[in-house]
Amino acid sequence: MKVTYKLEAFEGPLDLLLHLIDKNELDIYNIPVKEITDQYLAYVQAMQELELEITSEFLVMAATLLSIKSKMLLPKPPVIEFDEYFDDMEDELDPRAELVAKLIEYRKYKSIADMLRDKEVERSLVYTREPEDLTPFLPHVQENPVEGLDVADLLFAFQRTLRKLVNRNIVTRIRRDEISVKERIREVIDLLKVKGGKLLFSKLFDYEMTREEIVVTFLAILELMKMKKVVCYQYQLFEDIVIQAKEEVSDIDTQFSTDEIDY
């Protein structure tokens, strides 16, 4: 009778043994060594007949199975009843014990590998895309004209300017020129036009200015910031404050009205 073998690809001898155990529906804890050994050797022989490359692992396992088979054929010593400790020793003397432990361990890792492979296939069916820039959809927040600058900074600059004028010697005052906040605002705008829309706070004062002129200048800057015509900021802490127009300097005068100023 001609025997036909249908060979499958196995990763190693333990994989082949598990296949034979599952195929014959055998109990892995009580392997019929004779039956499994015959089927294993038949598989190895079929590989040789088909001139397939046989690794040393398959040959080592074949020798191991033959060794276990020969030990199983030896007559067992007479059974002597002892306590449970000696019963455990008898279980350890089973020549199949080491092979069974390896098969159980191999089956555990193989099942884990199959589970990870299934998850890999499942994940490969999910398509993702790079996150988009949602900045244009964010709610518009009105710009704070004095962000990074508080009243204490302006007050510090004002006090520093006053201290510079303390040591000035005023011999006499011939007349007092009145200047309004409206006029000072227009002067500041003219200076911004000359300076290209950016001006240092300290450039608005000189040693010949009176205390009233300094106060009016300070109020003019506050009014311009309040009407969002200029913005003030510092590059570093305690540096001179920069006054910058928020629109084209050529358009400031036509768009600006001082009627709303109470000074």
C-alpha atoms as a PDB file:
ATOM      1  CA  MET A   1       0.000   0.000   0.000  1.00  0.00           C
ATOM      2  CA  LYS A   2       1.380   3.371  -0.987  1.00  0.00           C
ATOM      3  CA  VAL A   3       1.458   6.000   1.753  1.00  0.00           C
ATOM      4  CA  THR A   4       1.125   9.681   0.814  1.00  0.00           C
ATOM      5  CA  TYR A   5       2.454  12.357   3.166  1.00  0.00           C
ATOM      6  CA  LYS A   6       1.187  15.909   3.146  1.00  0.00           C
ATOM      7  CA  LEU A   7       3.901  17.935   4.841  1.00  0.00           C
ATOM      8  CA  GLU A   8       3.302  21.276   6.503  1.00  0.00           C
ATOM      9  CA  ALA A   9       5.828  23.905   7.530  1.00  0.00           C
ATOM     10  CA  PHE A  10       6.757  23.767  11.185  1.00  0.00           C
ATOM     11  CA  GLU A  11       8.939  26.178  13.091  1.00  0.00           C
ATOM     12  CA  GLY A  12      10.664  23.425  15.060  1.00  0.00           C
ATOM     13  CA  PRO A  13      10.309  19.971  16.612  1.00  0.00           C
ATOM     14  CA  LEU A  14       8.096  21.226  19.447  1.00  0.00           C
ATOM     15  CA  ASP A  15       5.751  22.781  16.906  1.00  0.00           C
ATOM     16  CA  LEU A  16       5.535  19.433  15.097  1.00  0.00           C
ATOM     17  CA  LEU A  17       4.866  17.551  18.349  1.00  0.00           C
ATOM     18  CA  LEU A  18       2.057  19.935  19.284  1.00  0.00           C
ATOM     19  CA  HIS A  19       0.566  19.461  15.838  1.00  0.00           C
ATOM     20  CA  LEU A  20       0.591  15.684  16.249  1.00  0.00           C
ATOM     21  CA  ILE A  21      -0.919  15.911  19.758  1.00  0.00           C
ATOM     22  CA  ASP A  22      -3.723  18.228  18.611  1.00  0.00           C
ATOM     23  CA  LYS A  23      -4.342  16.205  15.447  1.00  0.00           C
ATOM     24  CA  ASN A  24      -4.787  12.983  17.433  1.00  0.00           C
ATOM     25  CA  GLU A  25      -6.641  14.762  20.251  1.00  0.00           C
ATOM     26  CA  LEU A  26      -4.242  13.468  22.872  1.00  0.00           C
ATOM     27  CA  ASP A  27      -3.814  14.559  26.472  1.00  0.00           C
ATOM     28  CA  ILE A  28      -0.600  16.553  26.684  1.00  0.00           C
ATOM     29  CA  TYR A  29      -0.102  15.448  30.304  1.00  0.00           C
ATOM     30  CA  ASN A  30      -0.314  11.764  29.337  1.00  0.00           C
ATOM     31  CA  ILE A  31       1.309  11.426  25.945  1.00  0.00           C
ATOM     32  CA  PRO A  32       1.365   7.941  24.373  1.00  0.00           C
ATOM     33  CA  VAL A  33       5.033   8.073  23.534  1.00  0.00           C
ATOM     34  CA  LYS A  34       5.024   5.078  21.186  1.00  0.00           C
ATOM     35  CA  GLU A  35       2.314   6.512  18.923  1.00  0.00           C
ATOM     36  CA  ILE A  36       3.777  10.011  18.854  1.00  0.00           C
ATOM     37  CA  THR A  37       7.303   8.709  18.257  1.00  0.00           C
ATOM     38  CA  ASP A  38       6.183   6.600  15.280  1.00  0.00           C
ATOM     39  CA  GLN A  39       4.365   9.531  13.698  1.00  0.00           C
ATOM     40  CA  TYR A  40       7.272  11.885  14.343  1.00  0.00           C
ATOM     41  CA  LEU A  41       9.795   9.499  12.782  1.00  0.00           C
ATOM     42  CA  ALA A  42       7.473   9.015   9.805  1.00  0.00           C
ATOM     43  CA  TYR A  43       7.435  12.766   9.278  1.00  0.00           C
ATOM     44  CA  VAL A  44      11.236  13.007   9.487  1.00  0.00           C
ATOM     45  CA  GLN A  45      11.595  10.103   7.068  1.00  0.00           C
ATOM     46  CA  ALA A  46       9.203  11.798   4.643  1.00  0.00           C
ATOM     47  CA  MET A  47      11.349  14.902   4.784  1.00  0.00           C
ATOM     48  CA  GLN A  48      14.404  12.820   3.904  1.00  0.00           C
ATOM     49  CA  GLU A  49      12.597  11.141   1.014  1.00  0.00           C
ATOM     50  CA  LEU A  50      11.578  14.511  -0.378  1.00  0.00           C
ATOM     51  CA  GLU A  51      15.189  15.664   0.052  1.00  0.00           C
ATOM     52  CA  LEU A  52      14.115  18.481   2.314  1.00  0.00           C
ATOM     53  CA  GLU A  53      16.678  20.049   4.594  1.00  0.00           C
ATOM     54  CA  ILE A  54      16.380  18.626   8.096  1.00  0.00           C
ATOM     55  CA  THR A  55      17.814  20.715  10.894  1.00  0.00           C
ATOM     56  CA  SER A  56      19.661  19.186  13.810  1.00  0.00           C
ATOM     57  CA  GLU A  57      16.792  20.129  16.150  1.00  0.00           C
ATOM     58  CA  PHE A  58      14.457  17.603  14.506  1.00  0.00           C
ATOM     59  CA  LEU A  59      17.081  14.884  14.771  1.00  0.00           C
ATOM     60  CA  VAL A  60      17.778  15.701  18.431  1.00  0.00           C
ATOM     61  CA  MET A  61      14.056  15.501  19.198  1.00  0.00           C
ATOM     62  CA  ALA A  62      13.825  12.155  17.360  1.00  0.00           C
ATOM     63  CA  ALA A  63      16.629  10.795  19.533  1.00  0.00           C
ATOM     64  CA  THR A  64      14.896  12.179  22.648  1.00  0.00           C
ATOM     65  CA  LEU A  65      11.616  10.480  21.743  1.00  0.00           C
ATOM     66  CA  LEU A  66      13.381   7.170  21.125  1.00  0.00           C
ATOM     67  CA  SER A  67      15.105   7.508  24.489  1.00  0.00           C
ATOM     68  CA  ILE A  68      11.796   8.189  26.251  1.00  0.00           C
ATOM     69  CA  LYS A  69      10.162   5.323  24.364  1.00  0.00           C
ATOM     70  CA  SER A  70      12.865   2.888  25.444  1.00  0.00           C
ATOM     71  CA  LYS A  71      12.544   4.014  29.082  1.00  0.00           C
ATOM     72  CA  MET A  72       8.793   3.566  28.935  1.00  0.00           C
ATOM     73  CA  LEU A  73       9.255  -0.028  27.699  1.00  0.00           C
ATOM     74  CA  LEU A  74      11.444  -0.966  30.646  1.00  0.00           C
ATOM     75  CA  PRO A  75       9.623  -2.857  33.404  1.00  0.00           C
ATOM     76  CA  LYS A  76       8.554  -0.702  36.307  1.00  0.00           C
ATOM     77  CA  PRO A  77       9.701  -1.496  39.837  1.00  0.00           C
ATOM     78  CA  PRO A  78       7.144  -2.923  42.246  1.00  0.00           C
ATOM     79  CA  VAL A  79       4.794  -0.346  43.711  1.00  0.00           C
ATOM     80  CA  ILE A  80       5.433   0.397  47.349  1.00  0.00           C
ATOM     81  CA  GLU A  81       2.961   2.616  49.118  1.00  0.00           C
ATOM     82  CA  PHE A  82       4.613   5.565  50.832  1.00  0.00           C
ATOM     83  CA  ASP A  83       3.414   8.948  51.848  1.00  0.00           C
ATOM     84  CA  GLU A  84       2.702  11.832  49.438  1.00  0.00           C
ATOM     85  CA  TYR A  85       6.330  12.904  49.362  1.00  0.00           C
ATOM     86  CA  PHE A  86       7.392   9.684  47.659  1.00  0.00           C
ATOM     87  CA  ASP A  87       4.390   9.903  45.324  1.00  0.00           C
ATOM     88  CA  ASP A  88       5.727  13.243  44.095  1.00  0.00           C
ATOM     89  CA  MET A  89       9.147  11.681  43.571  1.00  0.00           C
ATOM     90  CA  GLU A  90       7.539   8.971  41.478  1.00  0.00           C
ATOM     91  CA  ASP A  91       5.924  11.620  39.258  1.00  0.00           C
ATOM     92  CA  GLU A  92       9.291  13.286  38.768  1.00  0.00           C
ATOM     93  CA  LEU A  93      10.747   9.972  37.611  1.00  0.00           C
ATOM     94  CA  ASP A  94       8.373   9.963  34.636  1.00  0.00           C
ATOM     95  CA  PRO A  95      10.662  10.222  31.546  1.00  0.00           C
ATOM     96  CA  ARG A  96       8.010  12.293  29.789  1.00  0.00           C
ATOM     97  CA  ALA A  97       7.918  15.009  32.453  1.00  0.00           C
ATOM     98  CA  GLU A  98      10.622  17.234  30.980  1.00  0.00           C
ATOM     99  CA  LEU A  99       9.179  16.974  27.461  1.00  0.00           C
ATOM    100  CA  VAL A 100       5.664  17.742  28.715  1.00  0.00           C
ATOM    101  CA  ALA A 101       6.928  20.848  30.545  1.00  0.00           C
ATOM    102  CA  LYS A 102       8.620  22.107  27.368  1.00  0.00           C
ATOM    103  CA  LEU A 103       5.486  21.475  25.299  1.00  0.00           C
ATOM    104  CA  ILE A 104       3.265  23.336  27.779  1.00  0.00           C
ATOM    105  CA  GLU A 105       5.653  26.282  27.832  1.00  0.00           C
ATOM    106  CA  TYR A 106       5.913  26.301  24.041  1.00  0.00           C
ATOM    107  CA  ARG A 107       2.117  26.165  23.650  1.00  0.00           C
ATOM    108  CA  LYS A 108       1.733  29.152  25.980  1.00  0.00           C
ATOM    109  CA  TYR A 109       4.132  31.332  24.001  1.00  0.00           C
ATOM    110  CA  LYS A 110       2.698  30.143  20.699  1.00  0.00           C
ATOM    111  CA  SER A 111      -0.818  31.156  21.753  1.00  0.00           C
ATOM    112  CA  ILE A 112       0.515  34.572  22.788  1.00  0.00           C
ATOM    113  CA  ALA A 113       2.272  34.931  19.413  1.00  0.00           C
ATOM    114  CA  ASP A 114      -0.950  34.012  17.578  1.00  0.00           C
ATOM    115  CA  MET A 115      -2.873  36.587  19.604  1.00  0.00           C
ATOM    116  CA  LEU A 116      -0.325  39.308  18.806  1.00  0.00           C
ATOM    117  CA  ARG A 117      -0.408  38.331  15.127  1.00  0.00           C
ATOM    118  CA  ASP A 118      -4.197  38.686  15.082  1.00  0.00           C
ATOM    119  CA  LYS A 119      -3.925  42.098  16.698  1.00  0.00           C
ATOM    120  CA  GLU A 120      -1.333  43.102  14.104  1.00  0.00           C
ATOM    121  CA  VAL A 121      -3.679  42.115  11.286  1.00  0.00           C
ATOM    122  CA  GLU A 122      -6.566  43.915  12.957  1.00  0.00           C
ATOM    123  CA  ARG A 123      -4.480  47.057  13.444  1.00  0.00           C
ATOM    124  CA  SER A 124      -3.282  46.988   9.834  1.00  0.00           C
ATOM    125  CA  LEU A 125      -6.898  47.464   8.722  1.00  0.00           C
ATOM    126  CA  VAL A 126      -7.110  50.792  10.544  1.00  0.00           C
ATOM    127  CA  TYR A 127      -6.009  53.797   8.519  1.00  0.00           C
ATOM    128  CA  THR A 128      -4.901  56.995  10.228  1.00  0.00           C
ATOM    129  CA  ARG A 129      -3.997  60.469   9.076  1.00  0.00           C
ATOM    130  CA  GLU A 130      -1.739  63.190  10.397  1.00  0.00           C
ATOM    131  CA  PRO A 131      -3.388  65.748  12.711  1.00  0.00           C
ATOM    132  CA  GLU A 132      -4.419  68.937  10.951  1.00  0.00           C
ATOM    133  CA  ASP A 133      -3.736  72.495  12.037  1.00  0.00           C
ATOM    134  CA  LEU A 134      -6.977  73.728  13.627  1.00  0.00           C
ATOM    135  CA  THR A 135      -5.599  77.145  14.537  1.00  0.00           C
ATOM    136  CA  PRO A 136      -7.831  78.998  11.990  1.00  0.00           C
ATOM    137  CA  PHE A 137     -10.894  77.577  13.752  1.00  0.00           C
ATOM    138  CA  LEU A 138      -9.937  78.853  17.208  1.00  0.00           C
ATOM    139  CA  PRO A 139     -12.090  81.696  18.570  1.00  0.00           C
ATOM    140  CA  HIS A 140     -10.637  85.132  17.885  1.00  0.00           C
ATOM    141  CA  VAL A 141      -9.300  86.796  21.009  1.00  0.00           C
ATOM    142  CA  GLN A 142      -9.008  90.572  20.891  1.00  0.00           C
ATOM    143  CA  GLU A 143      -5.434  91.704  21.263  1.00  0.00           C
ATOM    144  CA  ASN A 144      -4.549  93.331  24.532  1.00  0.00           C
ATOM    145  CA  PRO A 145      -2.808  96.647  23.740  1.00  0.00           C
ATOM    146  CA  VAL A 146      -0.899  96.614  27.036  1.00  0.00           C
ATOM    147  CA  GLU A 147      -0.120  92.900  27.215  1.00  0.00           C
ATOM    148  CA  GLY A 148       3.090  92.347  29.143  1.00  0.00           C
ATOM    149  CA  LEU A 149       2.997  95.898  30.489  1.00  0.00           C
ATOM    150  CA  ASP A 150       1.131  97.040  33.586  1.00  0.00           C
ATOM    151  CA  VAL A 151       0.548 100.359  35.305  1.00  0.00           C
ATOM    152  CA  ALA A 152       3.529  99.788  37.574  1.00  0.00           C
ATOM    153  CA  ASP A 153       5.868  99.819  34.557  1.00  0.00           C
ATOM    154  CA  LEU A 154       4.503 103.155  33.322  1.00  0.00           C
ATOM    155  CA  LEU A 155       4.586 104.565  36.841  1.00  0.00           C
ATOM    156  CA  PHE A 156       8.194 103.465  37.244  1.00  0.00           C
ATOM    157  CA  ALA A 157       9.137 105.186  33.993  1.00  0.00           C
ATOM    158  CA  PHE A 158       7.257 108.308  35.085  1.00  0.00           C
ATOM    159  CA  GLN A 159       9.028 108.403  38.473  1.00  0.00           C
ATOM    160  CA  ARG A 160      12.400 107.824  36.839  1.00  0.00           C
ATOM    161  CA  THR A 161      11.792 110.813  34.593  1.00  0.00           C
ATOM    162  CA  LEU A 162      10.820 112.958  37.566  1.00  0.00           C
ATOM    163  CA  ARG A 163      13.981 111.971  39.425  1.00  0.00           C
ATOM    164  CA  LYS A 164      16.064 113.169  36.511  1.00  0.00           C
ATOM    165  CA  LEU A 165      14.482 116.592  36.853  1.00  0.00           C
ATOM    166  CA  VAL A 166      15.008 116.909  40.630  1.00  0.00           C
ATOM    167  CA  ASN A 167      18.556 118.204  40.376  1.00  0.00           C
ATOM    168  CA  ARG A 168      17.722 120.718  37.677  1.00  0.00           C
ATOM    169  CA  ASN A 169      18.307 124.319  38.716  1.00  0.00           C
ATOM    170  CA  ILE A 170      15.443 126.581  37.682  1.00  0.00           C
ATOM    171  CA  VAL A 171      16.595 130.129  37.969  1.00  0.00           C
ATOM    172  CA  THR A 172      13.385 131.810  37.034  1.00  0.00           C
ATOM    173  CA  ARG A 173      10.212 131.299  35.131  1.00  0.00           C
ATOM    174  CA  ILE A 174       9.113 134.093  32.872  1.00  0.00           C
ATOM    175  CA  ARG A 175       5.718 132.760  31.879  1.00  0.00           C
ATOM    176  CA  ARG A 176       3.682 129.602  32.081  1.00  0.00           C
ATOM    177  CA  ASP A 177       2.668 128.039  28.786  1.00  0.00           C
ATOM    178  CA  GLU A 178      -0.515 126.022  29.086  1.00  0.00           C
ATOM    179  CA  ILE A 179      -0.686 122.822  27.047  1.00  0.00           C
ATOM    180  CA  SER A 180      -3.713 120.552  26.782  1.00  0.00           C
ATOM    181  CA  VAL A 181      -3.812 116.781  26.466  1.00  0.00           C
ATOM    182  CA  LYS A 182      -5.325 117.120  22.961  1.00  0.00           C
ATOM    183  CA  GLU A 183      -2.405 119.220  21.770  1.00  0.00           C
ATOM    184  CA  ARG A 184       0.139 116.877  23.353  1.00  0.00           C
ATOM    185  CA  ILE A 185      -1.533 113.894  21.690  1.00  0.00           C
ATOM    186  CA  ARG A 186      -1.148 115.554  18.289  1.00  0.00           C
ATOM    187  CA  GLU A 187       2.498 116.307  19.069  1.00  0.00           C
ATOM    188  CA  VAL A 188       3.127 112.668  19.969  1.00  0.00           C
ATOM    189  CA  ILE A 189       1.451 111.587  16.701  1.00  0.00           C
ATOM    190  CA  ASP A 190       3.684 113.987  14.760  1.00  0.00           C
ATOM    191  CA  LEU A 191       6.756 112.514  16.478  1.00  0.00           C
ATOM    192  CA  LEU A 192       5.600 108.989  15.571  1.00  0.00           C
ATOM    193  CA  LYS A 193       5.289 110.051  11.937  1.00  0.00           C
ATOM    194  CA  VAL A 194       8.805 111.453  11.993  1.00  0.00           C
ATOM    195  CA  LYS A 195      10.218 108.328  13.704  1.00  0.00           C
ATOM    196  CA  GLY A 196       8.445 105.902  11.395  1.00  0.00           C
ATOM    197  CA  GLY A 197       5.749 104.807  13.831  1.00  0.00           C
ATOM    198  CA  LYS A 198       8.041 103.795  16.732  1.00  0.00           C
ATOM    199  CA  LEU A 199       9.356 105.990  19.524  1.00  0.00           C
ATOM    200  CA  LEU A 200      11.097 105.534  22.872  1.00  0.00           C
ATOM    201  CA  PHE A 201       9.234 106.779  25.948  1.00  0.00           C
ATOM    202  CA  SER A 202      12.276 108.683  27.217  1.00  0.00           C
ATOM    203  CA  LYS A 203      12.520 110.687  23.941  1.00  0.00           C
ATOM    204  CA  LEU A 204       9.271 112.473  24.798  1.00  0.00           C
ATOM    205  CA  PHE A 205      10.962 114.362  27.657  1.00  0.00           C
ATOM    206  CA  ASP A 206      13.871 116.740  27.961  1.00  0.00           C
ATOM    207  CA  TYR A 207      15.444 118.680  30.827  1.00  0.00           C
ATOM    208  CA  GLU A 208      13.636 121.880  29.945  1.00  0.00           C
ATOM    209  CA  MET A 209      10.133 120.443  30.402  1.00  0.00           C
ATOM    210  CA  THR A 210       8.108 121.496  33.414  1.00  0.00           C
ATOM    211  CA  ARG A 211       6.311 119.134  35.758  1.00  0.00           C
ATOM    212  CA  GLU A 212       2.959 120.037  34.129  1.00  0.00           C
ATOM    213  CA  GLU A 213       4.278 119.180  30.662  1.00  0.00           C
ATOM    214  CA  ILE A 214       5.526 115.807  31.915  1.00  0.00           C
ATOM    215  CA  VAL A 215       2.148 115.001  33.454  1.00  0.00           C
ATOM    216  CA  VAL A 216       0.303 116.035  30.274  1.00  0.00           C
ATOM    217  CA  THR A 217       2.642 113.888  28.177  1.00  0.00           C
ATOM    218  CA  PHE A 218       2.033 110.935  30.459  1.00  0.00           C
ATOM    219  CA  LEU A 219      -1.763 111.418  30.147  1.00  0.00           C
ATOM    220  CA  ALA A 220      -1.489 111.710  26.373  1.00  0.00           C
ATOM    221  CA  ILE A 221       0.235 108.322  26.168  1.00  0.00           C
ATOM    222  CA  LEU A 222      -2.447 106.755  28.350  1.00  0.00           C
ATOM    223  CA  GLU A 223      -5.204 108.201  26.129  1.00  0.00           C
ATOM    224  CA  LEU A 224      -3.553 106.887  22.965  1.00  0.00           C
ATOM    225  CA  MET A 225      -3.305 103.431  24.541  1.00  0.00           C
ATOM    226  CA  LYS A 226      -6.919 103.628  25.710  1.00  0.00           C
ATOM    227  CA  MET A 227      -8.082 104.437  22.144  1.00  0.00           C
ATOM    228  CA  LYS A 228      -5.842 101.622  20.809  1.00  0.00           C
ATOM    229  CA  LYS A 229      -3.846 103.942  18.614  1.00  0.00           C
ATOM    230  CA  VAL A 230      -0.491 102.942  20.094  1.00  0.00           C
ATOM    231  CA  VAL A 231       0.930  99.996  21.985  1.00  0.00           C
ATOM    232  CA  CYS A 232       3.684 100.112  24.608  1.00  0.00           C
ATOM    233  CA  TYR A 233       6.107  97.296  25.392  1.00  0.00           C
ATOM    234  CA  GLN A 234       9.617  96.520  26.674  1.00  0.00           C
ATOM    235  CA  TYR A 235      12.198  94.204  25.155  1.00  0.00           C
ATOM    236  CA  GLN A 236      13.622  93.351  28.566  1.00  0.00           C
ATOM    237  CA  LEU A 237      12.810  94.139  32.181  1.00  0.00           C
ATOM    238  CA  PHE A 238      13.613  97.734  33.263  1.00  0.00           C
ATOM    239  CA  GLU A 239      14.537  98.776  29.701  1.00  0.00           C
ATOM    240  CA  ASP A 240      13.129 101.870  28.067  1.00  0.00           C
ATOM    241  CA  ILE A 241       9.450 101.566  27.024  1.00  0.00           C
ATOM    242  CA  VAL A 242       8.788 101.497  23.271  1.00  0.00           C
ATOM    243  CA  ILE A 243       5.742 103.346  21.922  1.00  0.00           C
ATOM    244  CA  GLN A 244       4.577 101.974  18.581  1.00  0.00           C
ATOM    245  CA  ALA A 245       1.635 102.979  16.392  1.00  0.00           C
ATOM    246  CA  LYS A 246      -0.873 100.177  15.788  1.00  0.00           C
ATOM    247  CA  GLU A 247      -1.720 101.427  12.249  1.00  0.00           C
ATOM    248  CA  GLU A 248      -0.037 103.213   9.425  1.00  0.00           C
ATOM    249  CA  VAL A 249       1.333 106.483  10.735  1.00  0.00           C
ATOM    250  CA  SER A 250       0.084 108.299   7.645  1.00  0.00           C
ATOM    251  CA  ASP A 251      -3.502 107.329   8.519  1.00  0.00           C
ATOM    252  CA  ILE A 252      -3.433 108.163  12.227  1.00  0.00           C
ATOM    253  CA  ASP A 253      -4.286 111.824  11.846  1.00  0.00           C
ATOM    254  CA  THR A 254      -7.274 111.292   9.508  1.00  0.00           C
ATOM    255  CA  GLN A 255      -8.785 108.490  11.631  1.00  0.00           C
ATOM    256  CA  PHE A 256      -8.118 110.146  14.977  1.00  0.00           C
ATOM    257  CA  SER A 257     -10.596 112.451  16.735  1.00  0.00           C
ATOM    258  CA  THR A 258      -9.971 114.243  20.040  1.00  0.00           C
ATOM    259  CA  ASP A 259     -13.560 115.310  20.634  1.00  0.00           C
ATOM    260  CA  GLU A 260     -14.088 112.460  23.062  1.00  0.00           C
ATOM    261  CA  ILE A 261     -11.243 113.617  25.357  1.00  0.00           C
ATOM    262  CA  ASP A 262     -12.408 115.396  28.478  1.00  0.00           C
ATOM    263  CA  TYR A 263      -9.155 117.200  29.259  1.00  0.00           C
END
